């Protein structure tokens, strides 16, 4: 149950899901046991083998899915199936730096073109927008 504590679901829901899976596994085992006993009474060897095999497969699948859900609930952890969070953060940092550099290069080109045209101030529509936004604060 410790694997399910860090899931995104609230704690009572995690317990409820675990309880439902375990009760289902118990009920399946009980029903399969009764069916195997009935098959033994009728001397049906195929059914006697099939019911316990079916029970083992179903319980293994239920418990395996429960464990996989616990692993997938925290995708930024340290497990082998998790996203490489350090790599994602490094990639995000490089992308942000590239955006900052390209924005700086853009404004450098804009200012150089204004200096060539002897325009040192912003265009009239930019000044009116900046004034209206300053007044609204």
Protein backbone atom coordinates (compact mmCIF):
# COMPACT_ATOMS: atom_id res chain seq x y z
CA UNK A 1 0.00 0.00 0.00
CA UNK A 2 3.01 2.33 0.40
CA UNK A 3 3.36 2.57 -3.37
CA UNK A 4 -0.09 4.15 -3.63
CA UNK A 5 0.37 6.90 -1.05
CA UNK A 6 2.01 9.40 -3.44
CA UNK A 7 -0.68 9.15 -6.12
CA UNK A 8 -2.65 12.15 -7.30
CA UNK A 9 -5.91 10.67 -6.05
CA UNK A 10 -7.07 11.56 -2.56
CA UNK A 11 -6.01 9.02 0.04
CA UNK A 12 -9.50 7.48 0.70
CA UNK A 13 -9.99 6.84 -3.03
CA UNK A 14 -6.68 5.01 -3.24
CA UNK A 15 -7.73 2.81 -0.34
CA UNK A 16 -11.13 2.21 -1.92
CA UNK A 17 -9.57 1.14 -5.24
CA UNK A 18 -7.10 -1.16 -3.47
CA UNK A 19 -9.94 -2.64 -1.42
CA UNK A 20 -12.11 -3.22 -4.50
CA UNK A 21 -9.26 -4.93 -6.36
CA UNK A 22 -8.44 -7.15 -3.40
CA UNK A 23 -12.11 -8.04 -2.74
CA UNK A 24 -12.54 -8.85 -6.45
CA UNK A 25 -9.47 -11.09 -6.33
CA UNK A 26 -10.78 -12.83 -3.21
CA UNK A 27 -14.23 -13.34 -4.73
CA UNK A 28 -12.73 -14.65 -7.99
CA UNK A 29 -10.59 -17.10 -6.02
CA UNK A 30 -13.63 -18.26 -4.04
CA UNK A 31 -15.81 -18.74 -7.13
CA UNK A 32 -13.02 -20.50 -9.02
CA UNK A 33 -12.45 -22.78 -6.00
CA UNK A 34 -16.12 -23.75 -5.93
CA UNK A 35 -16.12 -24.31 -9.69
CA UNK A 36 -12.99 -26.46 -9.43
CA UNK A 37 -14.61 -28.51 -6.66
CA UNK A 38 -17.72 -29.05 -8.80
CA UNK A 39 -15.50 -30.03 -11.74
CA UNK A 40 -13.65 -32.49 -9.48
CA UNK A 41 -16.98 -34.01 -8.45
CA UNK A 42 -17.86 -34.52 -12.12
CA UNK A 43 -14.33 -35.83 -12.86
CA UNK A 44 -13.65 -33.13 -15.45
CA UNK A 45 -9.87 -32.83 -15.45
CA UNK A 46 -9.79 -30.02 -18.02
CA UNK A 47 -12.06 -27.83 -15.90
CA UNK A 48 -10.15 -28.71 -12.72
CA UNK A 49 -6.98 -27.37 -14.36
CA UNK A 50 -8.62 -24.44 -16.16
CA UNK A 51 -10.29 -22.84 -13.13
CA UNK A 52 -7.15 -22.47 -10.96
CA UNK A 53 -5.18 -21.32 -14.00
CA UNK A 54 -7.86 -18.72 -14.79
CA UNK A 55 -7.80 -17.59 -11.15
CA UNK A 56 -4.02 -17.13 -11.12
CA UNK A 57 -4.04 -15.19 -14.40
CA UNK A 58 -6.87 -12.86 -13.34
CA UNK A 59 -5.40 -12.10 -9.90
CA UNK A 60 -1.97 -11.47 -11.44
CA UNK A 61 -3.49 -9.12 -14.01
CA UNK A 62 -5.50 -7.17 -11.42
CA UNK A 63 -2.55 -6.76 -9.07
CA UNK A 64 -0.23 -5.90 -11.98
CA UNK A 65 -2.59 -3.19 -13.26
CA UNK A 66 -2.84 -1.78 -9.76
CA UNK A 67 0.97 -1.62 -9.54
CA UNK A 68 1.28 -0.05 -13.01
CA UNK A 69 -1.25 2.63 -12.03
CA UNK A 70 0.85 3.44 -8.99
CA UNK A 71 3.96 3.80 -11.16
CA UNK A 72 2.19 5.97 -13.74
CA UNK A 73 0.64 8.27 -11.15
CA UNK A 74 3.98 10.01 -10.49
CA UNK A 75 5.53 10.52 -13.93
CA UNK A 76 8.23 12.90 -12.66
CA UNK A 77 9.72 10.53 -10.10
CA UNK A 78 12.89 8.45 -10.11
CA UNK A 79 11.50 5.22 -11.56
CA UNK A 80 12.79 3.76 -14.82
CA UNK A 81 9.50 4.54 -16.62
CA UNK A 82 9.35 8.19 -15.54
CA UNK A 83 10.13 11.25 -17.64
CA UNK A 84 13.72 12.47 -17.35
CA UNK A 85 12.89 15.66 -15.44
CA UNK A 86 16.47 16.99 -15.44
CA UNK A 87 16.64 16.67 -19.23
CA UNK A 88 13.26 18.41 -19.59
CA UNK A 89 14.41 21.28 -17.36
CA UNK A 90 17.68 21.67 -19.30
CA UNK A 91 15.80 21.69 -22.61
CA UNK A 92 13.36 24.29 -21.25
CA UNK A 93 16.27 26.46 -20.09
CA UNK A 94 17.96 26.26 -23.51
CA UNK A 95 14.67 27.12 -25.25
CA UNK A 96 14.08 30.11 -22.97
CA UNK A 97 17.63 31.36 -23.55
CA UNK A 98 17.14 31.00 -27.31
CA UNK A 99 13.91 33.01 -27.11
CA UNK A 100 15.61 35.72 -25.04
CA UNK A 101 18.54 35.91 -27.46
CA UNK A 102 16.32 36.07 -30.53
CA UNK A 103 14.15 38.75 -28.89
CA UNK A 104 17.27 40.78 -28.09
CA UNK A 105 18.50 40.38 -31.67
CA UNK A 106 15.10 41.48 -32.99
CA UNK A 107 15.08 44.66 -30.92
CA UNK A 108 18.67 45.37 -31.86
CA UNK A 109 17.70 45.22 -35.55
CA UNK A 110 14.67 47.44 -34.90
CA UNK A 111 16.75 50.03 -33.06
CA UNK A 112 19.45 50.02 -35.75
CA UNK A 113 16.85 50.58 -38.45
CA UNK A 114 15.37 53.47 -36.45
CA UNK A 115 18.79 55.01 -35.96
CA UNK A 116 19.33 54.86 -39.71
CA UNK A 117 16.02 56.61 -40.24
CA UNK A 118 16.81 59.07 -37.41
CA UNK A 119 13.83 57.88 -35.41
CA UNK A 120 14.68 57.68 -31.75
CA UNK A 121 11.17 57.54 -30.37
CA UNK A 122 8.49 54.90 -30.67
CA UNK A 123 5.83 55.25 -33.36
CA UNK A 124 2.71 57.21 -32.41
CA UNK A 125 0.49 54.15 -32.02
CA UNK A 126 2.99 52.50 -29.61
CA UNK A 127 3.16 55.67 -27.50
CA UNK A 128 -0.64 55.87 -27.27
CA UNK A 129 -0.86 52.18 -26.29
CA UNK A 130 1.81 52.55 -23.61
CA UNK A 131 0.09 55.69 -22.25
CA UNK A 132 -3.33 54.03 -22.14
CA UNK A 133 -1.93 50.97 -20.40
CA UNK A 134 -0.10 53.18 -17.86
CA UNK A 135 -3.30 55.15 -17.17
CA UNK A 136 -5.33 52.01 -16.63
CA UNK A 137 -3.01 50.92 -13.78
